[in-house]
Amino acid sequence: MTLDKLEPGKKGYIVSVGGEGALRRRLLDLGLTPKTIVLVRKVAPLGDPIEIFLRGYELTLRREEAARIEVAEVQ
């Protein structure tokens, strides 16, 4: 499943980060690395952007960027 499919209030851990070049490097630099647990806090009314919580801070991503991040839901 990808991060953009995770529902608000659900937790998941990052399995892999896709994308190429500068976009992938930016996502990794923001702390979106494999095995990191993320919580989807909110989704904007029109579905874009998505607010997530990871490593003690909040981060807002576009749905397009979140679709490149593979996650597994934490039970």
PDB file of N, CA and C in Angstrom:
ATOM      1  N   MET A   1       0.859  -1.167   0.000  1.00  0.00           N
ATOM      2  CA  MET A   1       0.000   0.000   0.000  1.00  0.00           C
ATOM      3  C   MET A   1       0.911   1.237   0.000  1.00  0.00           C
ATOM      4  N   THR A   2       0.424   2.322  -0.536  1.00  0.00           N
ATOM      5  CA  THR A   2       1.205   3.562  -0.542  1.00  0.00           C
ATOM      6  C   THR A   2       0.677   4.512   0.533  1.00  0.00           C
ATOM      7  N   LEU A   3       1.494   5.472   0.910  1.00  0.00           N
ATOM      8  CA  LEU A   3       1.166   6.400   1.990  1.00  0.00           C
ATOM      9  C   LEU A   3      -0.100   7.202   1.706  1.00  0.00           C
ATOM     10  N   ASP A   4      -0.371   7.517   0.454  1.00  0.00           N
ATOM     11  CA  ASP A   4      -1.574   8.294   0.135  1.00  0.00           C
ATOM     12  C   ASP A   4      -2.856   7.494   0.356  1.00  0.00           C
ATOM     13  N   LYS A   5      -2.766   6.175   0.468  1.00  0.00           N
ATOM     14  CA  LYS A   5      -3.940   5.313   0.698  1.00  0.00           C
ATOM     15  C   LYS A   5      -4.208   5.071   2.182  1.00  0.00           C
ATOM     16  N   LEU A   6      -3.251   5.399   3.055  1.00  0.00           N
ATOM     17  CA  LEU A   6      -3.408   5.205   4.494  1.00  0.00           C
ATOM     18  C   LEU A   6      -4.417   6.216   5.030  1.00  0.00           C
ATOM     19  N   GLU A   7      -5.391   5.751   5.786  1.00  0.00           N
ATOM     20  CA  GLU A   7      -6.462   6.613   6.286  1.00  0.00           C
ATOM     21  C   GLU A   7      -5.994   7.466   7.472  1.00  0.00           C
ATOM     22  N   PRO A   8      -6.619   8.632   7.676  1.00  0.00           N
ATOM     23  CA  PRO A   8      -6.277   9.472   8.820  1.00  0.00           C
ATOM     24  C   PRO A   8      -6.464   8.703  10.134  1.00  0.00           C
ATOM     25  N   GLY A   9      -5.496   8.868  11.046  1.00  0.00           N
ATOM     26  CA  GLY A   9      -5.540   8.191  12.327  1.00  0.00           C
ATOM     27  C   GLY A   9      -4.845   6.843  12.331  1.00  0.00           C
ATOM     28  N   LYS A  10      -4.422   6.355  11.166  1.00  0.00           N
ATOM     29  CA  LYS A  10      -3.760   5.048  11.063  1.00  0.00           C
ATOM     30  C   LYS A  10      -2.242   5.225  11.018  1.00  0.00           C
ATOM     31  N   LYS A  11      -1.553   4.222  11.557  1.00  0.00           N
ATOM     32  CA  LYS A  11      -0.092   4.219  11.544  1.00  0.00           C
ATOM     33  C   LYS A  11       0.406   3.189  10.550  1.00  0.00           C
ATOM     34  N   GLY A  12       1.581   3.467  10.029  1.00  0.00           N
ATOM     35  CA  GLY A  12       2.235   2.529   9.132  1.00  0.00           C
ATOM     36  C   GLY A  12       3.736   2.712   9.231  1.00  0.00           C
ATOM     37  N   TYR A  13       4.476   1.747   8.735  1.00  0.00           N
ATOM     38  CA  TYR A  13       5.922   1.939   8.673  1.00  0.00           C
ATOM     39  C   TYR A  13       6.349   1.905   7.214  1.00  0.00           C
ATOM     40  N   ILE A  14       7.348   2.688   6.912  1.00  0.00           N
ATOM     41  CA  ILE A  14       7.810   2.840   5.540  1.00  0.00           C
ATOM     42  C   ILE A  14       8.586   1.597   5.116  1.00  0.00           C
ATOM     43  N   VAL A  15       8.195   1.044   3.985  1.00  0.00           N
ATOM     44  CA  VAL A  15       8.856  -0.125   3.429  1.00  0.00           C
ATOM     45  C   VAL A  15       9.915   0.318   2.420  1.00  0.00           C
ATOM     46  N   SER A  16       9.541   1.248   1.538  1.00  0.00           N
ATOM     47  CA  SER A  16      10.487   1.758   0.547  1.00  0.00           C
ATOM     48  C   SER A  16      10.054   3.144   0.078  1.00  0.00           C
ATOM     49  N   VAL A  17      11.037   3.885  -0.417  1.00  0.00           N
ATOM     50  CA  VAL A  17      10.789   5.225  -0.946  1.00  0.00           C
ATOM     51  C   VAL A  17      11.137   5.201  -2.430  1.00  0.00           C
ATOM     52  N   GLY A  18      10.144   5.507  -3.260  1.00  0.00           N
ATOM     53  CA  GLY A  18      10.349   5.506  -4.701  1.00  0.00           C
ATOM     54  C   GLY A  18      10.732   6.884  -5.203  1.00  0.00           C
ATOM     55  N   GLY A  19      10.590   7.064  -6.488  1.00  0.00           N
ATOM     56  CA  GLY A  19      10.951   8.343  -7.101  1.00  0.00           C
ATOM     57  C   GLY A  19      12.379   8.284  -7.614  1.00  0.00           C
ATOM     58  N   GLU A  20      12.771   9.370  -8.249  1.00  0.00           N
ATOM     59  CA  GLU A  20      14.107   9.435  -8.817  1.00  0.00           C
ATOM     60  C   GLU A  20      14.745  10.770  -8.520  1.00  0.00           C
ATOM     61  N   GLY A  21      16.046  10.776  -8.498  1.00  0.00           N
ATOM     62  CA  GLY A  21      16.818  11.996  -8.399  1.00  0.00           C
ATOM     63  C   GLY A  21      16.514  12.863  -7.202  1.00  0.00           C
ATOM     64  N   ALA A  22      16.267  14.148  -7.480  1.00  0.00           N
ATOM     65  CA  ALA A  22      16.101  15.148  -6.427  1.00  0.00           C
ATOM     66  C   ALA A  22      14.875  14.879  -5.557  1.00  0.00           C
ATOM     67  N   LEU A  23      13.793  14.379  -6.134  1.00  0.00           N
ATOM     68  CA  LEU A  23      12.597  14.103  -5.344  1.00  0.00           C
ATOM     69  C   LEU A  23      12.866  13.016  -4.315  1.00  0.00           C
ATOM     70  N   ARG A  24      13.471  11.930  -4.712  1.00  0.00           N
ATOM     71  CA  ARG A  24      13.782  10.835  -3.789  1.00  0.00           C
ATOM     72  C   ARG A  24      14.739  11.315  -2.702  1.00  0.00           C
ATOM     73  N   ARG A  25      15.751  12.059  -3.091  1.00  0.00           N
ATOM     74  CA  ARG A  25      16.733  12.583  -2.130  1.00  0.00           C
ATOM     75  C   ARG A  25      16.044  13.500  -1.106  1.00  0.00           C
ATOM     76  N   ARG A  26      15.115  14.335  -1.567  1.00  0.00           N
ATOM     77  CA  ARG A  26      14.387  15.248  -0.683  1.00  0.00           C
ATOM     78  C   ARG A  26      13.544  14.474   0.317  1.00  0.00           C
ATOM     79  N   LEU A  27      12.823  13.442  -0.147  1.00  0.00           N
ATOM     80  CA  LEU A  27      11.998  12.634   0.751  1.00  0.00           C
ATOM     81  C   LEU A  27      12.856  11.955   1.817  1.00  0.00           C
ATOM     82  N   LEU A  28      13.994  11.419   1.415  1.00  0.00           N
ATOM     83  CA  LEU A  28      14.896  10.781   2.377  1.00  0.00           C
ATOM     84  C   LEU A  28      15.455  11.800   3.362  1.00  0.00           C
ATOM     85  N   ASP A  29      15.821  12.983   2.880  1.00  0.00           N
ATOM     86  CA  ASP A  29      16.345  14.041   3.753  1.00  0.00           C
ATOM     87  C   ASP A  29      15.323  14.518   4.778  1.00  0.00           C
ATOM     88  N   LEU A  30      14.031  14.427   4.428  1.00  0.00           N
ATOM     89  CA  LEU A  30      12.972  14.833   5.349  1.00  0.00           C
ATOM     90  C   LEU A  30      12.708  13.780   6.423  1.00  0.00           C
ATOM     91  N   GLY A  31      13.410  12.657   6.369  1.00  0.00           N
ATOM     92  CA  GLY A  31      13.257  11.630   7.386  1.00  0.00           C
ATOM     93  C   GLY A  31      12.364  10.477   6.981  1.00  0.00           C
ATOM     94  N   LEU A  32      11.920  10.467   5.740  1.00  0.00           N
ATOM     95  CA  LEU A  32      11.062   9.390   5.249  1.00  0.00           C
ATOM     96  C   LEU A  32      11.934   8.232   4.779  1.00  0.00           C
ATOM     97  N   THR A  33      12.494   7.510   5.735  1.00  0.00           N
ATOM     98  CA  THR A  33      13.397   6.411   5.432  1.00  0.00           C
ATOM     99  C   THR A  33      12.738   5.081   5.801  1.00  0.00           C
ATOM    100  N   PRO A  34      13.173   3.988   5.185  1.00  0.00           N
ATOM    101  CA  PRO A  34      12.588   2.684   5.509  1.00  0.00           C
ATOM    102  C   PRO A  34      12.639   2.378   7.004  1.00  0.00           C
ATOM    103  N   LYS A  35      11.602   1.710   7.494  1.00  0.00           N
ATOM    104  CA  LYS A  35      11.397   1.291   8.887  1.00  0.00           C
ATOM    105  C   LYS A  35      10.955   2.420   9.808  1.00  0.00           C
ATOM    106  N   THR A  36      10.728   3.622   9.281  1.00  0.00           N
ATOM    107  CA  THR A  36      10.224   4.739  10.076  1.00  0.00           C
ATOM    108  C   THR A  36       8.707   4.622  10.212  1.00  0.00           C
ATOM    109  N   ILE A  37       8.200   4.806  11.428  1.00  0.00           N
ATOM    110  CA  ILE A  37       6.753   4.752  11.647  1.00  0.00           C
ATOM    111  C   ILE A  37       6.162   6.132  11.387  1.00  0.00           C
ATOM    112  N   VAL A  38       5.075   6.169  10.627  1.00  0.00           N
ATOM    113  CA  VAL A  38       4.395   7.425  10.311  1.00  0.00           C
ATOM    114  C   VAL A  38       2.921   7.303  10.711  1.00  0.00           C
ATOM    115  N   LEU A  39       2.347   8.426  11.098  1.00  0.00           N
ATOM    116  CA  LEU A  39       0.934   8.513  11.451  1.00  0.00           C
ATOM    117  C   LEU A  39       0.301   9.550  10.541  1.00  0.00           C
ATOM    118  N   VAL A  40      -0.773   9.189   9.867  1.00  0.00           N
ATOM    119  CA  VAL A  40      -1.485  10.156   9.032  1.00  0.00           C
ATOM    120  C   VAL A  40      -2.390  10.943   9.958  1.00  0.00           C
ATOM    121  N   ARG A  41      -2.116  12.233  10.098  1.00  0.00           N
ATOM    122  CA  ARG A  41      -2.900  13.088  10.995  1.00  0.00           C
ATOM    123  C   ARG A  41      -4.160  13.601  10.328  1.00  0.00           C
ATOM    124  N   LYS A  42      -3.984  14.246   9.172  1.00  0.00           N
ATOM    125  CA  LYS A  42      -5.118  14.888   8.488  1.00  0.00           C
ATOM    126  C   LYS A  42      -4.952  14.789   6.979  1.00  0.00           C
ATOM    127  N   VAL A  43      -6.082  14.889   6.308  1.00  0.00           N
ATOM    128  CA  VAL A  43      -6.092  15.016   4.853  1.00  0.00           C
ATOM    129  C   VAL A  43      -6.943  16.240   4.540  1.00  0.00           C
ATOM    130  N   ALA A  44      -6.459  17.114   3.691  1.00  0.00           N
ATOM    131  CA  ALA A  44      -7.189  18.330   3.338  1.00  0.00           C
ATOM    132  C   ALA A  44      -8.552  17.973   2.737  1.00  0.00           C
ATOM    133  N   PRO A  45      -9.527  18.869   2.829  1.00  0.00           N
ATOM    134  CA  PRO A  45     -10.876  18.595   2.327  1.00  0.00           C
ATOM    135  C   PRO A  45     -10.937  18.100   0.878  1.00  0.00           C
ATOM    136  N   LEU A  46     -10.088  18.598   0.034  1.00  0.00           N
ATOM    137  CA  LEU A  46     -10.084  18.155  -1.360  1.00  0.00           C
ATOM    138  C   LEU A  46      -9.101  17.019  -1.607  1.00  0.00           C
ATOM    139  N   GLY A  47      -8.510  16.483  -0.519  1.00  0.00           N
ATOM    140  CA  GLY A  47      -7.632  15.328  -0.628  1.00  0.00           C
ATOM    141  C   GLY A  47      -6.156  15.620  -0.796  1.00  0.00           C
ATOM    142  N   ASP A  48      -5.783  16.860  -0.926  1.00  0.00           N
ATOM    143  CA  ASP A  48      -4.379  17.208  -1.135  1.00  0.00           C
ATOM    144  C   ASP A  48      -4.095  18.520  -0.436  1.00  0.00           C
ATOM    145  N   PRO A  49      -3.158  18.648   0.450  1.00  0.00           N
ATOM    146  CA  PRO A  49      -2.093  17.745   0.874  1.00  0.00           C
ATOM    147  C   PRO A  49      -2.493  16.833   2.038  1.00  0.00           C
ATOM    148  N   ILE A  50      -1.523  16.017   2.458  1.00  0.00           N
ATOM    149  CA  ILE A  50      -1.689  15.082   3.562  1.00  0.00           C
ATOM    150  C   ILE A  50      -0.719  15.492   4.662  1.00  0.00           C
ATOM    151  N   GLU A  51      -1.197  15.549   5.909  1.00  0.00           N
ATOM    152  CA  GLU A  51      -0.323  15.868   7.033  1.00  0.00           C
ATOM    153  C   GLU A  51       0.018  14.574   7.758  1.00  0.00           C
ATOM    154  N   ILE A  52       1.322  14.322   7.928  1.00  0.00           N
ATOM    155  CA  ILE A  52       1.769  13.126   8.635  1.00  0.00           C
ATOM    156  C   ILE A  52       2.635  13.518   9.824  1.00  0.00           C
ATOM    157  N   PHE A  53       2.763  12.599  10.774  1.00  0.00           N
ATOM    158  CA  PHE A  53       3.603  12.813  11.957  1.00  0.00           C
ATOM    159  C   PHE A  53       4.640  11.700  11.980  1.00  0.00           C
ATOM    160  N   LEU A  54       5.906  12.091  12.055  1.00  0.00           N
ATOM    161  CA  LEU A  54       6.994  11.127  12.127  1.00  0.00           C
ATOM    162  C   LEU A  54       8.176  11.733  12.851  1.00  0.00           C
ATOM    163  N   ARG A  55       8.916  10.915  13.562  1.00  0.00           N
ATOM    164  CA  ARG A  55      10.150  11.348  14.245  1.00  0.00           C
ATOM    165  C   ARG A  55       9.968  12.597  15.099  1.00  0.00           C
ATOM    166  N   GLY A  56       8.773  12.800  15.665  1.00  0.00           N
ATOM    167  CA  GLY A  56       8.535  13.925  16.558  1.00  0.00           C
ATOM    168  C   GLY A  56       8.175  15.232  15.876  1.00  0.00           C
ATOM    169  N   TYR A  57       7.899  15.226  14.592  1.00  0.00           N
ATOM    170  CA  TYR A  57       7.476  16.461  13.916  1.00  0.00           C
ATOM    171  C   TYR A  57       6.404  16.169  12.881  1.00  0.00           C
ATOM    172  N   GLU A  58       5.710  17.228  12.482  1.00  0.00           N
ATOM    173  CA  GLU A  58       4.657  17.113  11.475  1.00  0.00           C
ATOM    174  C   GLU A  58       5.194  17.525  10.119  1.00  0.00           C
ATOM    175  N   LEU A  59       4.721  16.845   9.097  1.00  0.00           N
ATOM    176  CA  LEU A  59       5.179  17.093   7.731  1.00  0.00           C
ATOM    177  C   LEU A  59       3.972  17.037   6.812  1.00  0.00           C
ATOM    178  N   THR A  60       3.921  17.950   5.877  1.00  0.00           N
ATOM    179  CA  THR A  60       2.839  17.969   4.897  1.00  0.00           C
ATOM    180  C   THR A  60       3.401  17.585   3.538  1.00  0.00           C
ATOM    181  N   LEU A  61       2.749  16.613   2.903  1.00  0.00           N
ATOM    182  CA  LEU A  61       3.177  16.134   1.587  1.00  0.00           C
ATOM    183  C   LEU A  61       2.039  16.231   0.593  1.00  0.00           C
ATOM    184  N   ARG A  62       2.376  16.443  -0.658  1.00  0.00           N
ATOM    185  CA  ARG A  62       1.373  16.354  -1.713  1.00  0.00           C
ATOM    186  C   ARG A  62       1.009  14.888  -1.905  1.00  0.00           C
ATOM    187  N   ARG A  63      -0.196  14.650  -2.357  1.00  0.00           N
ATOM    188  CA  ARG A  63      -0.649  13.272  -2.589  1.00  0.00           C
ATOM    189  C   ARG A  63       0.265  12.573  -3.603  1.00  0.00           C
ATOM    190  N   GLU A  64       0.722  13.308  -4.597  1.00  0.00           N
ATOM    191  CA  GLU A  64       1.617  12.760  -5.618  1.00  0.00           C
ATOM    192  C   GLU A  64       2.925  12.249  -5.001  1.00  0.00           C
ATOM    193  N   GLU A  65       3.464  12.997  -4.040  1.00  0.00           N
ATOM    194  CA  GLU A  65       4.693  12.577  -3.359  1.00  0.00           C
ATOM    195  C   GLU A  65       4.428  11.373  -2.458  1.00  0.00           C
ATOM    196  N   ALA A  66       3.300  11.395  -1.739  1.00  0.00           N
ATOM    197  CA  ALA A  66       2.949  10.302  -0.834  1.00  0.00           C
ATOM    198  C   ALA A  66       2.717   8.998  -1.592  1.00  0.00           C
ATOM    199  N   ALA A  67       2.290   9.089  -2.838  1.00  0.00           N
ATOM    200  CA  ALA A  67       2.036   7.891  -3.651  1.00  0.00           C
ATOM    201  C   ALA A  67       3.326   7.155  -3.996  1.00  0.00           C
ATOM    202  N   ARG A  68       4.474   7.777  -3.830  1.00  0.00           N
ATOM    203  CA  ARG A  68       5.748   7.142  -4.142  1.00  0.00           C
ATOM    204  C   ARG A  68       6.349   6.410  -2.938  1.00  0.00           C
ATOM    205  N   ILE A  69       5.677   6.485  -1.785  1.00  0.00           N
ATOM    206  CA  ILE A  69       6.188   5.886  -0.559  1.00  0.00           C
ATOM    207  C   ILE A  69       5.364   4.655  -0.204  1.00  0.00           C
ATOM    208  N   GLU A  70       6.001   3.498  -0.223  1.00  0.00           N
ATOM    209  CA  GLU A  70       5.336   2.235   0.135  1.00  0.00           C
ATOM    210  C   GLU A  70       5.337   2.089   1.638  1.00  0.00           C
ATOM    211  N   VAL A  71       4.165   1.769   2.204  1.00  0.00           N
ATOM    212  CA  VAL A  71       4.048   1.567   3.647  1.00  0.00           C
ATOM    213  C   VAL A  71       3.310   0.260   3.923  1.00  0.00           C
ATOM    214  N   ALA A  72       3.498  -0.238   5.131  1.00  0.00           N
ATOM    215  CA  ALA A  72       2.729  -1.385   5.633  1.00  0.00           C
ATOM    216  C   ALA A  72       2.027  -0.891   6.897  1.00  0.00           C
ATOM    217  N   GLU A  73       0.744  -1.160   7.006  1.00  0.00           N
ATOM    218  CA  GLU A  73      -0.027  -0.677   8.147  1.00  0.00           C
ATOM    219  C   GLU A  73       0.381  -1.399   9.420  1.00  0.00           C
ATOM    220  N   VAL A  74       0.496  -0.635  10.514  1.00  0.00           N
ATOM    221  CA  VAL A  74       0.820  -1.189  11.831  1.00  0.00           C
ATOM    222  C   VAL A  74      -0.491  -1.561  12.498  1.00  0.00           C
ATOM    223  N   GLN A  75      -0.570  -2.778  13.005  1.00  0.00           N
ATOM    224  CA  GLN A  75      -1.807  -3.245  13.653  1.00  0.00           C
ATOM    225  C   GLN A  75      -1.934  -2.752  15.069  1.00  0.00           C
TER     226      GLN A  75
END
